Amino acid sequence: MNSSDDSMANGDGGLGGMTRRRFLRNASLALAATELSLGVGTMASAQTTAGTAASAASAGSNTSFDAIKEIEAGVLKISYAEVGPKDGKPVVLLHGWPYDIHSYVDVAPLLAAKGYRVIVPYLRGYGGTRFLSDKSFRNGQQAAVALDIIKLMDALGIKQAIIGGFDWGARTADIMAVLWPERCKALVAVSGYLITNLKANKLTPLPPVVEYAWWYQYYFATERGVVGYEKNRYDFNKLIWKNVSPKWNFDDATYDRTAKAFENPDHVAIVIHNYRWRIDLAPGEAKYDAYEAKLAESPDITVPTITLASDFDGAGKDGSRYAGKYTGKYSHKVLDGIGHNVPQEAPQAFADAIVEVDGY
């Protein structure tokens, strides 16, 4: 996840409502401050606000994908869902932490009905996706995850696709658009420009109240955190869901379908490395150094883009801190009443954004 907020709810025993609101506000400030440290420009496009009822239309209509496929791609055998006609315009949808392909279980059929070929992969460390070699480093750094998706597109014979994502998925979409713009027809990115700048993360500490919102990141920096996440990942990730989507009344069955993806044998290693790498506590791999050097420049994204913001983004939901990073045709939309898992909470709004950006 990109930032965390809120507290436990529904009788789980945790912090009260005032503290929950403070967590939500602090998380949005953390994201805003991180974006500001990247030298993000000012707002340069029109903003559209969608109401809760309209944006959440069809949420929960589906519970599963008809079939899960596998294909060797780069260092992985990637497990993925595919929906829609083979000759349809390709769309690749990317989940984040702690989520899985079920975030798109309602989005995918909406797009397939419009003739799109929709690919929804499990990221490394999730679901059925596995490393081909036991000797491969379980690397969660941003460039590695992005290259996985390029290799998946190569394996599937997809030269160019519309890329959509949230959390890790939005970061991956942004990175793909920077490093391989010819492979990206357009983007839909929740919470906007999320490319990690290691130098800024290391040398630009945030105010204490903002750092407080990143509690899980510091927990993961400890060996206690590794053991705790390994032992308690089911309850840990369910807590995160509640914290970052306080208005989403998901049931146990919905969570359990996704929680199975956390049973991947590499899940803990990938998650821990991802968050430790971000704050320079764990090295990446030299083979990604050239990619990371380019990303460290915080380059603009020229691919046509729609960014989506939700209540999760708090005071930063207007997108003004990252709008200037998107220099192609661009628009920003706000989904009021929606939490962090935008595609699962508001599938119609997410699908509409994919269709709209396809016309840019």
Protein backbone atom coordinates (compact mmCIF):
# COMPACT_ATOMS: atom_id res chain seq x y z
CA MET A 1 0.00 0.00 0.00
CA ASN A 2 1.11 3.57 -0.58
CA SER A 3 0.07 4.97 2.77
CA SER A 4 -2.05 3.74 5.63
CA ASP A 5 -4.65 5.38 7.79
CA ASP A 6 -7.66 4.93 10.07
CA SER A 7 -7.98 2.32 12.81
CA MET A 8 -9.80 -0.85 13.63
CA ALA A 9 -13.58 -0.80 13.46
CA ASN A 10 -16.65 -2.98 13.88
CA GLY A 11 -15.83 -4.16 17.37
CA ASP A 12 -12.23 -5.21 16.69
CA GLY A 13 -11.13 -3.03 19.56
CA GLY A 14 -8.78 -0.23 18.38
CA LEU A 15 -8.73 3.46 18.21
CA GLY A 16 -11.83 5.62 18.44
CA GLY A 17 -13.59 7.65 15.77
CA MET A 18 -11.60 10.83 16.36
CA THR A 19 -8.34 8.93 16.04
CA ARG A 20 -9.62 7.18 12.91
CA ARG A 21 -10.32 10.53 11.30
CA ARG A 22 -6.88 11.77 12.32
CA PHE A 23 -5.28 8.66 10.77
CA LEU A 24 -7.17 9.27 7.52
CA ARG A 25 -6.10 12.90 7.44
CA ASN A 26 -2.51 12.02 8.30
CA ALA A 27 -2.31 9.41 5.57
CA SER A 28 -3.41 11.91 2.96
CA LEU A 29 -0.83 14.37 4.27
CA ALA A 30 1.85 11.70 4.06
CA LEU A 31 1.03 11.05 0.44
CA ALA A 32 0.85 14.77 -0.30
CA ALA A 33 4.18 15.45 1.36
CA THR A 34 5.82 12.59 -0.49
CA GLU A 35 4.53 13.90 -3.80
CA LEU A 36 5.62 17.41 -2.91
CA SER A 37 9.14 16.16 -2.24
CA LEU A 38 9.27 14.96 -5.83
CA GLY A 39 8.86 18.51 -7.11
CA VAL A 40 5.37 17.92 -8.45
CA GLY A 41 3.78 20.79 -10.35
CA THR A 42 0.39 22.44 -9.99
CA MET A 43 -3.04 21.43 -11.15
CA ALA A 44 -3.43 21.73 -14.92
CA SER A 45 -6.65 19.99 -15.82
CA ALA A 46 -10.35 19.87 -15.19
CA GLN A 47 -11.64 17.89 -12.23
CA THR A 48 -14.76 15.76 -12.14
CA THR A 49 -16.45 14.63 -8.95
CA ALA A 50 -18.59 11.47 -8.92
CA GLY A 51 -21.05 10.79 -6.11
CA THR A 52 -20.83 7.69 -3.95
CA ALA A 53 -23.94 5.96 -5.28
CA ALA A 54 -23.09 6.46 -8.94
CA SER A 55 -19.42 5.58 -8.65
CA ALA A 56 -20.11 2.42 -6.64
CA ALA A 57 -22.63 1.06 -9.14
CA SER A 58 -22.39 -2.74 -9.65
CA ALA A 59 -19.92 -3.22 -6.76
CA GLY A 60 -20.10 -6.81 -5.54
CA SER A 61 -21.96 -8.13 -8.58
CA ASN A 62 -19.35 -10.83 -9.19
CA THR A 63 -17.36 -13.07 -6.89
CA SER A 64 -14.86 -14.84 -9.15
CA PHE A 65 -13.24 -15.10 -12.55
CA ASP A 66 -14.24 -18.01 -14.78
CA ALA A 67 -10.70 -19.31 -15.13
CA ILE A 68 -7.16 -18.55 -14.03
CA LYS A 69 -4.36 -19.02 -16.55
CA GLU A 70 -0.58 -19.29 -16.24
CA ILE A 71 2.28 -18.26 -18.48
CA GLU A 72 6.05 -18.02 -18.12
CA ALA A 73 7.17 -14.40 -18.29
CA GLY A 74 10.64 -13.22 -17.34
CA VAL A 75 11.65 -14.71 -13.99
CA LEU A 76 8.09 -15.74 -13.15
CA LYS A 77 5.28 -18.06 -14.02
CA ILE A 78 2.50 -15.51 -13.79
CA SER A 79 -1.02 -16.46 -12.79
CA TYR A 80 -3.67 -14.22 -14.33
CA ALA A 81 -7.31 -13.85 -15.23
CA GLU A 82 -8.37 -13.03 -18.77
CA VAL A 83 -11.81 -11.75 -19.71
CA GLY A 84 -13.20 -10.58 -23.03
CA PRO A 85 -12.51 -11.29 -26.71
CA LYS A 86 -9.00 -12.33 -27.77
CA ASP A 87 -9.01 -9.71 -30.50
CA GLY A 88 -10.23 -6.98 -28.18
CA LYS A 89 -8.23 -3.90 -27.31
CA PRO A 90 -5.90 -4.98 -24.45
CA VAL A 91 -6.32 -3.63 -20.93
CA VAL A 92 -3.97 -4.69 -18.10
CA LEU A 93 -5.27 -4.09 -14.57
CA LEU A 94 -2.89 -4.15 -11.61
CA HIS A 95 -3.66 -4.63 -7.92
CA GLY A 96 -1.72 -3.48 -4.86
CA TRP A 97 -1.05 -4.48 -1.27
CA PRO A 98 -2.85 -6.05 0.50
CA TYR A 99 -5.17 -6.94 -2.35
CA ASP A 100 -5.29 -9.25 -5.37
CA ILE A 101 -7.03 -9.72 -8.70
CA HIS A 102 -10.46 -9.71 -7.04
CA SER A 103 -10.18 -5.94 -6.83
CA TYR A 104 -11.17 -6.08 -10.52
CA VAL A 105 -13.77 -8.84 -10.35
CA ASP A 106 -16.52 -6.37 -11.29
CA VAL A 107 -14.44 -4.05 -13.48
CA ALA A 108 -13.26 -6.77 -15.86
CA PRO A 109 -16.70 -7.93 -17.07
CA LEU A 110 -17.83 -4.33 -17.52
CA LEU A 111 -14.90 -3.77 -19.88
CA ALA A 112 -15.27 -7.16 -21.58
CA ALA A 113 -18.86 -6.27 -22.39
CA LYS A 114 -17.50 -3.30 -24.34
CA GLY A 115 -15.15 -5.51 -26.32
CA TYR A 116 -11.90 -5.12 -24.36
CA ARG A 117 -9.48 -7.97 -23.73
CA VAL A 118 -8.82 -7.64 -20.01
CA ILE A 119 -5.74 -9.14 -18.33
CA VAL A 120 -5.56 -9.14 -14.52
CA PRO A 121 -2.32 -10.66 -13.17
CA TYR A 122 -1.34 -11.64 -9.67
CA LEU A 123 1.77 -9.62 -8.87
CA ARG A 124 4.92 -11.40 -7.68
CA GLY A 125 4.26 -12.75 -4.20
CA TYR A 126 0.51 -13.12 -4.67
CA GLY A 127 -1.85 -15.93 -5.63
CA GLY A 128 -0.52 -18.50 -8.06
CA THR A 129 2.36 -16.39 -9.40
CA ARG A 130 5.67 -18.15 -8.73
CA PHE A 131 9.36 -17.64 -9.39
CA LEU A 132 10.78 -20.07 -11.94
CA SER A 133 13.93 -20.54 -9.88
CA ASP A 134 14.33 -21.11 -6.15
CA LYS A 135 17.54 -19.10 -6.44
CA SER A 136 15.86 -15.89 -7.61
CA PHE A 137 16.05 -13.03 -5.15
CA ARG A 138 12.59 -12.27 -3.75
CA ASN A 139 12.76 -8.67 -4.81
CA GLY A 140 9.88 -6.25 -4.29
CA GLN A 141 11.49 -3.09 -5.70
CA GLN A 142 9.39 -0.99 -8.04
CA ALA A 143 11.34 -1.55 -11.28
CA ALA A 144 11.24 -5.33 -10.86
CA VAL A 145 7.46 -5.36 -10.48
CA ALA A 146 7.02 -3.12 -13.53
CA LEU A 147 9.31 -5.27 -15.68
CA ASP A 148 7.22 -8.30 -14.71
CA ILE A 149 4.23 -6.74 -16.47
CA ILE A 150 6.23 -5.87 -19.57
CA LYS A 151 7.42 -9.49 -19.72
CA LEU A 152 3.83 -10.65 -19.29
CA MET A 153 2.73 -8.49 -22.22
CA ASP A 154 5.60 -9.92 -24.28
CA ALA A 155 4.58 -13.48 -23.42
CA LEU A 156 0.96 -12.76 -24.37
CA GLY A 157 1.93 -11.04 -27.61
CA ILE A 158 0.52 -7.69 -26.47
CA LYS A 159 2.45 -4.80 -27.99
CA GLN A 160 0.49 -2.04 -26.32
CA ALA A 161 -2.22 -1.87 -23.69
CA ILE A 162 -4.20 0.51 -21.55
CA ILE A 163 -2.79 0.14 -18.03
CA GLY A 164 -4.90 0.68 -14.93
CA GLY A 165 -3.93 0.31 -11.30
CA PHE A 166 -4.14 1.38 -7.70
CA ASP A 167 -1.59 1.27 -4.88
CA TRP A 168 1.38 -0.84 -6.08
CA GLY A 169 -0.53 -1.16 -9.34
CA ALA A 170 -0.73 2.62 -9.88
CA ARG A 171 2.98 2.94 -9.17
CA THR A 172 3.67 0.14 -11.64
CA ALA A 173 1.51 1.80 -14.28
CA ASP A 174 3.36 5.11 -13.81
CA ILE A 175 6.72 3.35 -14.08
CA MET A 176 5.72 1.51 -17.23
CA ALA A 177 4.65 4.80 -18.80
CA VAL A 178 8.04 6.35 -17.96
CA LEU A 179 10.31 3.48 -18.94
CA TRP A 180 8.28 1.94 -21.78
CA PRO A 181 5.84 4.60 -23.02
CA GLU A 182 5.46 2.83 -26.36
CA ARG A 183 3.85 -0.11 -24.54
CA CYS A 184 1.22 2.06 -22.81
CA LYS A 185 -1.68 3.41 -24.85
CA ALA A 186 -3.07 5.20 -21.83
CA LEU A 187 -3.20 5.08 -18.02
CA VAL A 188 -5.72 5.11 -15.22
CA ALA A 189 -3.83 5.67 -11.96
CA VAL A 190 -5.46 5.89 -8.55
CA SER A 191 -3.79 8.47 -6.28
CA GLY A 192 -1.71 9.73 -9.17
CA TYR A 193 2.08 9.91 -9.40
CA LEU A 194 3.49 7.33 -6.99
CA ILE A 195 6.98 6.60 -8.34
CA THR A 196 9.33 6.12 -5.39
CA ASN A 197 12.21 8.56 -5.05
CA LEU A 198 14.72 6.83 -2.76
CA LYS A 199 16.83 9.92 -2.16
CA ALA A 200 13.83 11.99 -1.14
CA ASN A 201 12.56 9.20 1.09
CA LYS A 202 15.96 8.91 2.79
CA LEU A 203 16.88 12.57 3.20
CA THR A 204 13.55 14.34 3.57
CA PRO A 205 11.85 13.25 6.78
CA LEU A 206 8.22 14.24 7.16
CA PRO A 207 6.65 15.90 10.21
CA PRO A 208 6.06 13.43 13.06
CA VAL A 209 2.30 13.48 12.68
CA VAL A 210 2.71 12.46 9.06
CA GLU A 211 5.32 9.79 9.75
CA TYR A 212 2.84 8.34 12.25
CA ALA A 213 0.57 7.36 9.37
CA TRP A 214 3.29 5.05 8.00
CA TRP A 215 3.26 2.83 11.08
CA TYR A 216 3.23 -0.45 9.15
CA GLN A 217 6.29 0.56 7.13
CA TYR A 218 8.34 0.96 10.28
CA TYR A 219 6.90 -2.24 11.73
CA PHE A 220 8.10 -4.07 8.62
CA ALA A 221 11.57 -2.59 9.14
CA THR A 222 11.99 -4.77 12.25
CA GLU A 223 12.48 -8.49 12.59
CA ARG A 224 9.53 -8.44 14.98
CA GLY A 225 7.50 -7.07 12.07
CA VAL A 226 8.61 -9.87 9.77
CA VAL A 227 7.60 -12.52 12.28
CA GLY A 228 4.39 -10.67 13.08
CA TYR A 229 3.35 -10.36 9.46
CA GLU A 230 4.23 -13.98 8.73
CA LYS A 231 2.16 -15.15 11.67
CA ASN A 232 -0.74 -12.71 11.45
CA ARG A 233 -1.01 -11.73 7.80
CA TYR A 234 -4.72 -12.64 7.61
CA ASP A 235 -5.75 -10.36 10.47
CA PHE A 236 -3.09 -7.76 9.64
CA ASN A 237 -4.33 -7.25 6.10
CA LYS A 238 -7.98 -7.29 7.14
CA LEU A 239 -7.16 -4.47 9.54
CA ILE A 240 -5.56 -2.52 6.69
CA TRP A 241 -8.71 -2.99 4.58
CA LYS A 242 -10.84 -1.56 7.38
CA ASN A 243 -8.47 1.30 8.03
CA VAL A 244 -8.18 2.56 4.47
CA SER A 245 -11.78 1.94 3.34
CA PRO A 246 -13.84 2.79 6.44
CA LYS A 247 -17.08 3.22 4.48
CA TRP A 248 -16.75 -0.04 2.53
CA ASN A 249 -18.88 -2.66 4.27
CA PHE A 250 -17.18 -5.71 2.78
CA ASP A 251 -18.16 -9.08 4.23
CA ASP A 252 -15.90 -11.91 5.36
CA ALA A 253 -16.45 -13.86 2.14
CA THR A 254 -15.19 -10.93 0.06
CA TYR A 255 -12.07 -10.58 2.17
CA ASP A 256 -11.44 -14.34 2.32
CA ARG A 257 -11.41 -14.64 -1.46
CA THR A 258 -8.51 -12.20 -1.59
CA ALA A 259 -6.79 -13.46 1.57
CA LYS A 260 -6.02 -16.74 -0.19
CA ALA A 261 -3.58 -14.79 -2.36
CA PHE A 262 -1.49 -13.98 0.74
CA GLU A 263 -0.73 -17.69 1.18
CA ASN A 264 1.80 -17.45 -1.67
CA PRO A 265 5.12 -18.75 -0.29
CA ASP A 266 6.93 -15.59 -1.41
CA HIS A 267 4.32 -13.13 -0.16
CA VAL A 268 5.96 -12.09 3.09
CA ALA A 269 9.42 -11.81 1.55
CA ILE A 270 8.15 -9.63 -1.31
CA VAL A 271 6.11 -7.34 0.93
CA ILE A 272 8.88 -6.89 3.48
CA HIS A 273 11.49 -6.21 0.80
CA ASN A 274 9.21 -3.73 -0.97
CA TYR A 275 8.77 -1.57 2.10
CA ARG A 276 12.35 -1.90 3.33
CA TRP A 277 13.68 -1.03 -0.13
CA ARG A 278 11.56 2.12 -0.24
CA ILE A 279 13.29 3.55 2.82
CA ASP A 280 16.74 2.32 1.80
CA LEU A 281 16.97 -0.44 4.39
CA ALA A 282 17.32 -3.22 1.82
CA PRO A 283 19.22 -3.23 -1.49
CA GLY A 284 17.67 -3.92 -4.83
CA GLU A 285 19.34 -5.82 -7.67
CA ALA A 286 22.03 -4.30 -9.86
CA LYS A 287 20.21 -5.34 -13.02
CA TYR A 288 17.54 -2.74 -12.23
CA ASP A 289 19.96 0.10 -11.47
CA ALA A 290 19.58 1.84 -14.83
CA TYR A 291 15.80 1.81 -14.50
CA GLU A 292 15.93 3.17 -10.97
CA ALA A 293 18.37 5.90 -12.00
CA LYS A 294 15.87 7.18 -14.53
CA LEU A 295 12.99 6.93 -12.09
CA ALA A 296 15.00 8.88 -9.51
CA GLU A 297 14.78 11.89 -11.81
CA SER A 298 11.00 11.97 -11.22
CA PRO A 299 10.33 12.17 -14.95
CA ASP A 300 7.09 13.46 -16.41
CA ILE A 301 4.57 11.03 -17.88
CA THR A 302 3.58 11.79 -21.48
CA VAL A 303 1.05 8.97 -21.91
CA PRO A 304 -2.63 10.07 -21.86
CA THR A 305 -3.84 9.63 -18.29
CA ILE A 306 -6.81 9.85 -15.99
CA THR A 307 -5.99 10.00 -12.29
CA LEU A 308 -8.59 9.00 -9.72
CA ALA A 309 -8.75 10.15 -6.13
CA SER A 310 -10.98 9.03 -3.28
CA ASP A 311 -11.58 9.76 0.38
CA PHE A 312 -8.34 7.86 1.01
CA ASP A 313 -6.45 10.81 -0.47
CA GLY A 314 -7.97 13.22 2.05
CA ALA A 315 -6.95 16.83 1.59
CA GLY A 316 -4.87 15.84 -1.44
CA LYS A 317 -7.80 14.44 -3.39
CA ASP A 318 -7.85 17.41 -5.78
CA GLY A 319 -4.68 16.01 -7.34
CA SER A 320 -3.00 19.42 -7.53
CA ARG A 321 0.32 18.13 -6.22
CA TYR A 322 0.87 15.67 -9.07
CA ALA A 323 -1.16 16.99 -12.00
CA GLY A 324 1.88 18.70 -13.48
CA LYS A 325 3.67 15.36 -13.81
CA TYR A 326 1.24 14.26 -16.53
CA THR A 327 2.09 16.23 -19.65
CA GLY A 328 -0.06 14.37 -22.18
CA LYS A 329 -3.83 14.66 -22.37
CA TYR A 330 -4.96 14.43 -18.78
CA SER A 331 -7.91 14.68 -16.44
CA HIS A 332 -8.53 14.06 -12.77
CA LYS A 333 -11.65 12.66 -11.10
CA VAL A 334 -12.65 12.53 -7.45
CA LEU A 335 -14.78 9.71 -6.06
CA ASP A 336 -16.38 10.89 -2.85
CA GLY A 337 -17.32 8.25 -0.29
CA ILE A 338 -14.89 5.69 -1.72
CA GLY A 339 -11.84 4.28 0.08
CA HIS A 340 -8.50 3.01 -1.17
CA ASN A 341 -9.63 -0.10 -3.08
CA VAL A 342 -11.21 2.04 -5.80
CA PRO A 343 -11.85 -0.62 -8.49
CA GLN A 344 -13.63 -2.96 -6.08
CA GLU A 345 -15.52 -0.23 -4.25
CA ALA A 346 -16.43 1.75 -7.38
CA PRO A 347 -16.10 -0.61 -10.37
CA GLN A 348 -18.33 1.36 -12.72
CA ALA A 349 -16.37 4.55 -12.17
CA PHE A 350 -13.07 2.73 -12.72
CA ALA A 351 -14.32 1.01 -15.87
CA ASP A 352 -15.69 4.31 -17.18
CA ALA A 353 -12.27 5.89 -16.70
CA ILE A 354 -10.64 3.13 -18.77
CA VAL A 355 -13.13 3.66 -21.58
CA GLU A 356 -12.77 7.43 -21.42
CA VAL A 357 -8.96 7.44 -21.46
CA ASP A 358 -9.04 5.06 -24.42
CA GLY A 359 -10.54 7.95 -26.39
CA TYR A 360 -7.80 10.46 -25.46
